[in-house]
């Protein structure tokens, strides 16, 4: 049996065609811009990104793209709400997920990031200033706190990734963490009796590991 070789030029063109098809299949989101408080009502779907300036965005329906919040407001994903992209909050407001978030939470101001008991985040929770990160629901990615705020993993919470706090904030673990838990700064790492941590536990700063 003979094997026919495909000319290199044809193979390269075929690979390029496949790549172009894959890129063209990726969704290209436009931006929906709102000012002041705004609610995506239940049953309503926004197929694009949404940007809110100077107000609180409440998602009770569906947002397929990313959510951006600027200047004096919060982002709340209701129990039946869904965000298919990331939530980026760039001021002092909080991010509260009661429904489902398929992307990441990124909080760049002094606000709080809250994942409540019914909340589900497929991505990471990243807080870059002094706000609180409290998880009472499910986070499939990592939790990163880069400022001085605390990280609290509640008793019935589940984190599939790692938990990391870099500065003076404390870390409290009462729930289940499948990855590592590390505190790198001056804050203490508090491990409660109900905690279940599958990975390593470490304190590399001036804080202490305290087991109750």
C-alpha atoms as a PDB file:
ATOM      1  CA  UNK A   1       0.000   0.000   0.000  1.00  0.00           C
ATOM      2  CA  UNK A   2       1.420   3.393  -0.954  1.00  0.00           C
ATOM      3  CA  UNK A   3       1.035   6.550   1.122  1.00  0.00           C
ATOM      4  CA  UNK A   4       0.392   9.783  -0.733  1.00  0.00           C
ATOM      5  CA  UNK A   5       2.115  12.809   0.779  1.00  0.00           C
ATOM      6  CA  UNK A   6       0.241  16.107   0.994  1.00  0.00           C
ATOM      7  CA  UNK A   7       2.328  18.978  -0.378  1.00  0.00           C
ATOM      8  CA  UNK A   8       3.551  21.304   2.391  1.00  0.00           C
ATOM      9  CA  UNK A   9       1.943  24.384   0.821  1.00  0.00           C
ATOM     10  CA  UNK A  10      -1.486  22.731   0.774  1.00  0.00           C
ATOM     11  CA  UNK A  11      -1.081  21.592   4.373  1.00  0.00           C
ATOM     12  CA  UNK A  12      -0.149  25.126   5.501  1.00  0.00           C
ATOM     13  CA  UNK A  13      -3.100  26.654   3.647  1.00  0.00           C
ATOM     14  CA  UNK A  14      -5.458  24.088   5.144  1.00  0.00           C
ATOM     15  CA  UNK A  15      -4.203  24.813   8.679  1.00  0.00           C
ATOM     16  CA  UNK A  16      -4.604  28.547   8.091  1.00  0.00           C
ATOM     17  CA  UNK A  17      -8.157  28.016   6.875  1.00  0.00           C
ATOM     18  CA  UNK A  18      -9.041  26.036   9.994  1.00  0.00           C
ATOM     19  CA  UNK A  19      -7.569  28.789  12.196  1.00  0.00           C
ATOM     20  CA  UNK A  20      -9.554  31.478  10.377  1.00  0.00           C
ATOM     21  CA  UNK A  21     -12.747  29.480  10.785  1.00  0.00           C
ATOM     22  CA  UNK A  22     -12.088  29.106  14.505  1.00  0.00           C
ATOM     23  CA  UNK A  23     -11.459  32.828  14.892  1.00  0.00           C
ATOM     24  CA  UNK A  24     -14.551  33.755  12.911  1.00  0.00           C
ATOM     25  CA  UNK A  25     -16.615  31.433  15.120  1.00  0.00           C
ATOM     26  CA  UNK A  26     -15.501  33.250  18.284  1.00  0.00           C
ATOM     27  CA  UNK A  27     -18.118  35.766  19.469  1.00  0.00           C
ATOM     28  CA  UNK A  28     -17.322  39.435  18.883  1.00  0.00           C
ATOM     29  CA  UNK A  29     -19.076  41.452  21.573  1.00  0.00           C
ATOM     30  CA  UNK A  30     -20.024  45.095  21.165  1.00  0.00           C
ATOM     31  CA  UNK A  31     -20.455  47.472  24.157  1.00  0.00           C
ATOM     32  CA  UNK A  32     -23.787  48.509  25.655  1.00  0.00           C
ATOM     33  CA  UNK A  33     -23.161  51.690  27.704  1.00  0.00           C
ATOM     34  CA  UNK A  34     -25.422  52.791  30.572  1.00  0.00           C
ATOM     35  CA  UNK A  35     -25.145  55.664  33.056  1.00  0.00           C
ATOM     36  CA  UNK A  36     -26.576  55.469  36.550  1.00  0.00           C
ATOM     37  CA  UNK A  37     -28.335  52.478  38.070  1.00  0.00           C
ATOM     38  CA  UNK A  38     -29.430  49.834  35.572  1.00  0.00           C
ATOM     39  CA  UNK A  39     -31.129  46.431  35.848  1.00  0.00           C
ATOM     40  CA  UNK A  40     -31.084  43.594  33.327  1.00  0.00           C
ATOM     41  CA  UNK A  41     -34.539  42.224  34.043  1.00  0.00           C
ATOM     42  CA  UNK A  42     -35.353  38.516  34.354  1.00  0.00           C
ATOM     43  CA  UNK A  43     -36.007  37.027  30.915  1.00  0.00           C
ATOM     44  CA  UNK A  44     -33.901  39.681  29.158  1.00  0.00           C
ATOM     45  CA  UNK A  45     -30.659  38.687  27.368  1.00  0.00           C
ATOM     46  CA  UNK A  46     -27.895  41.121  26.413  1.00  0.00           C
ATOM     47  CA  UNK A  47     -25.671  39.486  23.804  1.00  0.00           C
ATOM     48  CA  UNK A  48     -22.860  42.042  24.228  1.00  0.00           C
ATOM     49  CA  UNK A  49     -20.622  43.560  26.893  1.00  0.00           C
ATOM     50  CA  UNK A  50     -22.240  46.062  29.228  1.00  0.00           C
ATOM     51  CA  UNK A  51     -20.498  49.119  30.736  1.00  0.00           C
ATOM     52  CA  UNK A  52     -22.096  51.062  33.592  1.00  0.00           C
ATOM     53  CA  UNK A  53     -20.801  54.463  34.750  1.00  0.00           C
ATOM     54  CA  UNK A  54     -21.736  55.978  38.111  1.00  0.00           C
ATOM     55  CA  UNK A  55     -24.380  53.472  39.157  1.00  0.00           C
ATOM     56  CA  UNK A  56     -25.142  49.925  40.259  1.00  0.00           C
ATOM     57  CA  UNK A  57     -25.752  47.189  37.719  1.00  0.00           C
ATOM     58  CA  UNK A  58     -28.127  44.410  38.776  1.00  0.00           C
ATOM     59  CA  UNK A  59     -28.255  41.313  36.562  1.00  0.00           C
ATOM     60  CA  UNK A  60     -31.423  39.261  36.996  1.00  0.00           C
ATOM     61  CA  UNK A  61     -31.379  38.157  33.373  1.00  0.00           C
ATOM     62  CA  UNK A  62     -28.498  37.174  31.120  1.00  0.00           C
ATOM     63  CA  UNK A  63     -25.354  38.996  29.924  1.00  0.00           C
ATOM     64  CA  UNK A  64     -23.331  36.964  27.427  1.00  0.00           C
ATOM     65  CA  UNK A  65     -20.281  39.256  27.407  1.00  0.00           C
ATOM     66  CA  UNK A  66     -18.242  41.068  30.072  1.00  0.00           C
ATOM     67  CA  UNK A  67     -19.544  43.458  32.730  1.00  0.00           C
ATOM     68  CA  UNK A  68     -17.614  46.663  33.502  1.00  0.00           C
ATOM     69  CA  UNK A  69     -18.491  49.057  36.320  1.00  0.00           C
ATOM     70  CA  UNK A  70     -16.849  52.477  36.753  1.00  0.00           C
ATOM     71  CA  UNK A  71     -17.194  55.273  39.313  1.00  0.00           C
ATOM     72  CA  UNK A  72     -19.356  54.797  42.368  1.00  0.00           C
ATOM     73  CA  UNK A  73     -21.492  51.729  41.991  1.00  0.00           C
ATOM     74  CA  UNK A  74     -21.663  47.974  42.430  1.00  0.00           C
ATOM     75  CA  UNK A  75     -22.373  44.839  40.414  1.00  0.00           C
ATOM     76  CA  UNK A  76     -24.986  42.388  41.702  1.00  0.00           C
ATOM     77  CA  UNK A  77     -25.770  39.128  39.906  1.00  0.00           C
ATOM     78  CA  UNK A  78     -29.127  37.913  41.227  1.00  0.00           C
ATOM     79  CA  UNK A  79     -29.983  34.307  42.107  1.00  0.00           C
ATOM     80  CA  UNK A  80     -31.278  33.680  38.580  1.00  0.00           C
ATOM     81  CA  UNK A  81     -28.766  35.978  36.891  1.00  0.00           C
ATOM     82  CA  UNK A  82     -26.014  34.848  34.514  1.00  0.00           C
ATOM     83  CA  UNK A  83     -22.850  36.540  33.228  1.00  0.00           C
ATOM     84  CA  UNK A  84     -20.967  34.659  30.517  1.00  0.00           C
ATOM     85  CA  UNK A  85     -17.810  36.759  30.642  1.00  0.00           C
ATOM     86  CA  UNK A  86     -15.863  38.569  33.375  1.00  0.00           C
ATOM     87  CA  UNK A  87     -16.936  41.163  35.944  1.00  0.00           C
ATOM     88  CA  UNK A  88     -14.484  44.067  36.256  1.00  0.00           C
ATOM     89  CA  UNK A  89     -15.216  46.617  38.992  1.00  0.00           C
ATOM     90  CA  UNK A  90     -12.813  49.580  39.023  1.00  0.00           C
ATOM     91  CA  UNK A  91     -13.904  51.688  41.980  1.00  0.00           C
ATOM     92  CA  UNK A  92     -15.096  51.390  45.565  1.00  0.00           C
ATOM     93  CA  UNK A  93     -18.241  49.378  44.926  1.00  0.00           C
ATOM     94  CA  UNK A  94     -18.829  45.722  45.703  1.00  0.00           C
ATOM     95  CA  UNK A  95     -19.281  42.716  43.426  1.00  0.00           C
ATOM     96  CA  UNK A  96     -21.911  40.271  44.672  1.00  0.00           C
ATOM     97  CA  UNK A  97     -22.636  37.014  42.849  1.00  0.00           C
ATOM     98  CA  UNK A  98     -25.777  35.159  43.881  1.00  0.00           C
ATOM     99  CA  UNK A  99     -26.348  33.554  40.481  1.00  0.00           C
ATOM    100  CA  UNK A 100     -23.866  32.167  37.924  1.00  0.00           C
ATOM    101  CA  UNK A 101     -20.682  33.780  36.607  1.00  0.00           C
ATOM    102  CA  UNK A 102     -18.786  31.880  33.909  1.00  0.00           C
ATOM    103  CA  UNK A 103     -15.756  34.180  33.952  1.00  0.00           C
ATOM    104  CA  UNK A 104     -13.634  36.036  36.524  1.00  0.00           C
ATOM    105  CA  UNK A 105     -14.257  38.691  39.170  1.00  0.00           C
ATOM    106  CA  UNK A 106     -11.665  41.488  39.100  1.00  0.00           C
ATOM    107  CA  UNK A 107     -12.021  44.245  41.702  1.00  0.00           C
ATOM    108  CA  UNK A 108      -9.518  47.118  41.395  1.00  0.00           C
ATOM    109  CA  UNK A 109     -10.812  49.569  44.007  1.00  0.00           C
ATOM    110  CA  UNK A 110     -11.614  49.333  47.716  1.00  0.00           C
ATOM    111  CA  UNK A 111     -14.836  47.450  47.246  1.00  0.00           C
ATOM    112  CA  UNK A 112     -15.863  43.939  48.263  1.00  0.00           C
ATOM    113  CA  UNK A 113     -16.193  40.766  46.202  1.00  0.00           C
ATOM    114  CA  UNK A 114     -18.958  38.518  47.543  1.00  0.00           C
ATOM    115  CA  UNK A 115     -19.974  35.083  46.263  1.00  0.00           C
ATOM    116  CA  UNK A 116     -23.073  34.128  48.219  1.00  0.00           C
ATOM    117  CA  UNK A 117     -24.321  30.633  49.044  1.00  0.00           C
ATOM    118  CA  UNK A 118     -26.183  30.137  45.768  1.00  0.00           C
ATOM    119  CA  UNK A 119     -23.433  31.825  43.731  1.00  0.00           C
ATOM    120  CA  UNK A 120     -21.278  29.971  41.225  1.00  0.00           C
ATOM    121  CA  UNK A 121     -18.127  31.430  39.609  1.00  0.00           C
ATOM    122  CA  UNK A 122     -16.390  29.338  36.932  1.00  0.00           C
ATOM    123  CA  UNK A 123     -13.339  31.609  36.812  1.00  0.00           C
ATOM    124  CA  UNK A 124     -11.128  33.397  39.352  1.00  0.00           C
ATOM    125  CA  UNK A 125     -11.885  36.003  42.033  1.00  0.00           C
ATOM    126  CA  UNK A 126      -9.175  38.713  42.000  1.00  0.00           C
ATOM    127  CA  UNK A 127      -9.183  41.688  44.397  1.00  0.00           C
ATOM    128  CA  UNK A 128      -6.379  44.209  43.836  1.00  0.00           C
ATOM    129  CA  UNK A 129      -6.940  46.741  46.635  1.00  0.00           C
ATOM    130  CA  UNK A 130      -8.245  46.682  50.235  1.00  0.00           C
ATOM    131  CA  UNK A 131     -11.681  45.180  49.757  1.00  0.00           C
ATOM    132  CA  UNK A 132     -13.137  42.024  51.280  1.00  0.00           C
ATOM    133  CA  UNK A 133     -13.425  38.706  49.419  1.00  0.00           C
ATOM    134  CA  UNK A 134     -16.127  36.522  50.986  1.00  0.00           C
ATOM    135  CA  UNK A 135     -17.115  33.200  49.417  1.00  0.00           C
ATOM    136  CA  UNK A 136     -20.212  31.365  50.613  1.00  0.00           C
ATOM    137  CA  UNK A 137     -20.877  29.605  47.304  1.00  0.00           C
ATOM    138  CA  UNK A 138     -18.738  27.896  44.648  1.00  0.00           C
ATOM    139  CA  UNK A 139     -15.582  29.240  42.960  1.00  0.00           C
ATOM    140  CA  UNK A 140     -14.118  26.868  40.358  1.00  0.00           C
ATOM    141  CA  UNK A 141     -10.943  28.947  39.909  1.00  0.00           C
ATOM    142  CA  UNK A 142      -8.513  30.700  42.257  1.00  0.00           C
ATOM    143  CA  UNK A 143      -8.988  33.450  44.844  1.00  0.00           C
ATOM    144  CA  UNK A 144      -6.313  36.169  44.816  1.00  0.00           C
ATOM    145  CA  UNK A 145      -6.257  39.130  47.192  1.00  0.00           C
ATOM    146  CA  UNK A 146      -3.439  41.570  46.331  1.00  0.00           C
ATOM    147  CA  UNK A 147      -4.280  44.331  48.823  1.00  0.00           C
ATOM    148  CA  UNK A 148      -4.885  44.515  52.568  1.00  0.00           C
ATOM    149  CA  UNK A 149      -8.383  43.106  52.628  1.00  0.00           C
ATOM    150  CA  UNK A 150      -9.371  39.770  54.207  1.00  0.00           C
ATOM    151  CA  UNK A 151     -10.334  36.552  52.409  1.00  0.00           C
ATOM    152  CA  UNK A 152     -13.118  34.532  54.019  1.00  0.00           C
ATOM    153  CA  UNK A 153     -14.085  31.057  52.782  1.00  0.00           C
ATOM    154  CA  UNK A 154     -17.344  30.245  54.551  1.00  0.00           C
ATOM    155  CA  UNK A 155     -18.335  26.943  56.113  1.00  0.00           C
ATOM    156  CA  UNK A 156     -20.407  25.743  53.133  1.00  0.00           C
ATOM    157  CA  UNK A 157     -18.166  27.271  50.476  1.00  0.00           C
ATOM    158  CA  UNK A 158     -16.194  25.298  47.891  1.00  0.00           C
ATOM    159  CA  UNK A 159     -13.053  26.558  46.110  1.00  0.00           C
ATOM    160  CA  UNK A 160     -11.623  24.261  43.448  1.00  0.00           C
ATOM    161  CA  UNK A 161      -8.392  26.272  43.042  1.00  0.00           C
ATOM    162  CA  UNK A 162      -5.907  28.035  45.319  1.00  0.00           C
ATOM    163  CA  UNK A 163      -6.420  30.798  47.894  1.00  0.00           C
ATOM    164  CA  UNK A 164      -3.696  33.445  48.076  1.00  0.00           C
ATOM    165  CA  UNK A 165      -3.420  36.665  50.102  1.00  0.00           C
ATOM    166  CA  UNK A 166      -0.351  38.835  49.500  1.00  0.00           C
ATOM    167  CA  UNK A 167      -0.378  41.634  52.075  1.00  0.00           C
ATOM    168  CA  UNK A 168      -1.797  42.424  55.522  1.00  0.00           C
ATOM    169  CA  UNK A 169      -5.236  40.889  55.141  1.00  0.00           C
ATOM    170  CA  UNK A 170      -6.164  37.780  57.088  1.00  0.00           C
ATOM    171  CA  UNK A 171      -7.382  34.519  55.565  1.00  0.00           C
ATOM    172  CA  UNK A 172     -10.190  32.562  57.235  1.00  0.00           C
ATOM    173  CA  UNK A 173     -11.023  29.078  55.978  1.00  0.00           C
ATOM    174  CA  UNK A 174     -14.122  27.309  57.267  1.00  0.00           C
ATOM    175  CA  UNK A 175     -15.100  25.509  54.060  1.00  0.00           C
ATOM    176  CA  UNK A 176     -13.438  23.268  51.464  1.00  0.00           C
ATOM    177  CA  UNK A 177     -10.409  24.254  49.343  1.00  0.00           C
ATOM    178  CA  UNK A 178      -9.053  21.753  46.822  1.00  0.00           C
ATOM    179  CA  UNK A 179      -5.844  23.687  46.151  1.00  0.00           C
ATOM    180  CA  UNK A 180      -3.228  25.433  48.296  1.00  0.00           C
ATOM    181  CA  UNK A 181      -3.882  28.143  50.883  1.00  0.00           C
ATOM    182  CA  UNK A 182      -1.099  30.716  51.273  1.00  0.00           C
ATOM    183  CA  UNK A 183      -0.774  33.977  53.186  1.00  0.00           C
ATOM    184  CA  UNK A 184       2.283  35.997  52.110  1.00  0.00           C
ATOM    185  CA  UNK A 185       2.036  39.173  54.193  1.00  0.00           C
ATOM    186  CA  UNK A 186       1.415  40.363  57.744  1.00  0.00           C
ATOM    187  CA  UNK A 187      -2.042  38.857  58.097  1.00  0.00           C
ATOM    188  CA  UNK A 188      -2.793  35.623  59.934  1.00  0.00           C
ATOM    189  CA  UNK A 189      -4.075  32.400  58.367  1.00  0.00           C
ATOM    190  CA  UNK A 190      -6.975  31.053  60.428  1.00  0.00           C
ATOM    191  CA  UNK A 191      -7.995  27.405  59.972  1.00  0.00           C
ATOM    192  CA  UNK A 192     -11.297  26.429  61.617  1.00  0.00           C
ATOM    193  CA  UNK A 193     -12.397  22.869  62.560  1.00  0.00           C
ATOM    194  CA  UNK A 194     -14.855  22.645  59.656  1.00  0.00           C
ATOM    195  CA  UNK A 195     -12.120  23.470  57.087  1.00  0.00           C
ATOM    196  CA  UNK A 196     -11.051  20.848  54.547  1.00  0.00           C
ATOM    197  CA  UNK A 197      -7.900  21.778  52.597  1.00  0.00           C
ATOM    198  CA  UNK A 198      -6.526  19.288  50.074  1.00  0.00           C
ATOM    199  CA  UNK A 199      -3.379  21.263  49.156  1.00  0.00           C
ATOM    200  CA  UNK A 200      -0.545  22.838  51.115  1.00  0.00           C
ATOM    201  CA  UNK A 201      -1.007  25.423  53.879  1.00  0.00           C
ATOM    202  CA  UNK A 202       1.716  28.059  54.195  1.00  0.00           C
ATOM    203  CA  UNK A 203       2.462  31.446  55.754  1.00  0.00           C
ATOM    204  CA  UNK A 204       5.480  33.151  54.175  1.00  0.00           C
ATOM    205  CA  UNK A 205       5.105  36.603  55.768  1.00  0.00           C
ATOM    206  CA  UNK A 206       5.091  37.894  59.339  1.00  0.00           C
ATOM    207  CA  UNK A 207       1.627  36.507  60.088  1.00  0.00           C
ATOM    208  CA  UNK A 208       0.863  33.216  61.856  1.00  0.00           C
ATOM    209  CA  UNK A 209      -1.067  30.053  61.066  1.00  0.00           C
ATOM    210  CA  UNK A 210      -3.706  29.600  63.758  1.00  0.00           C
ATOM    211  CA  UNK A 211      -5.690  26.372  64.015  1.00  0.00           C
ATOM    212  CA  UNK A 212      -8.841  26.315  66.119  1.00  0.00           C
END
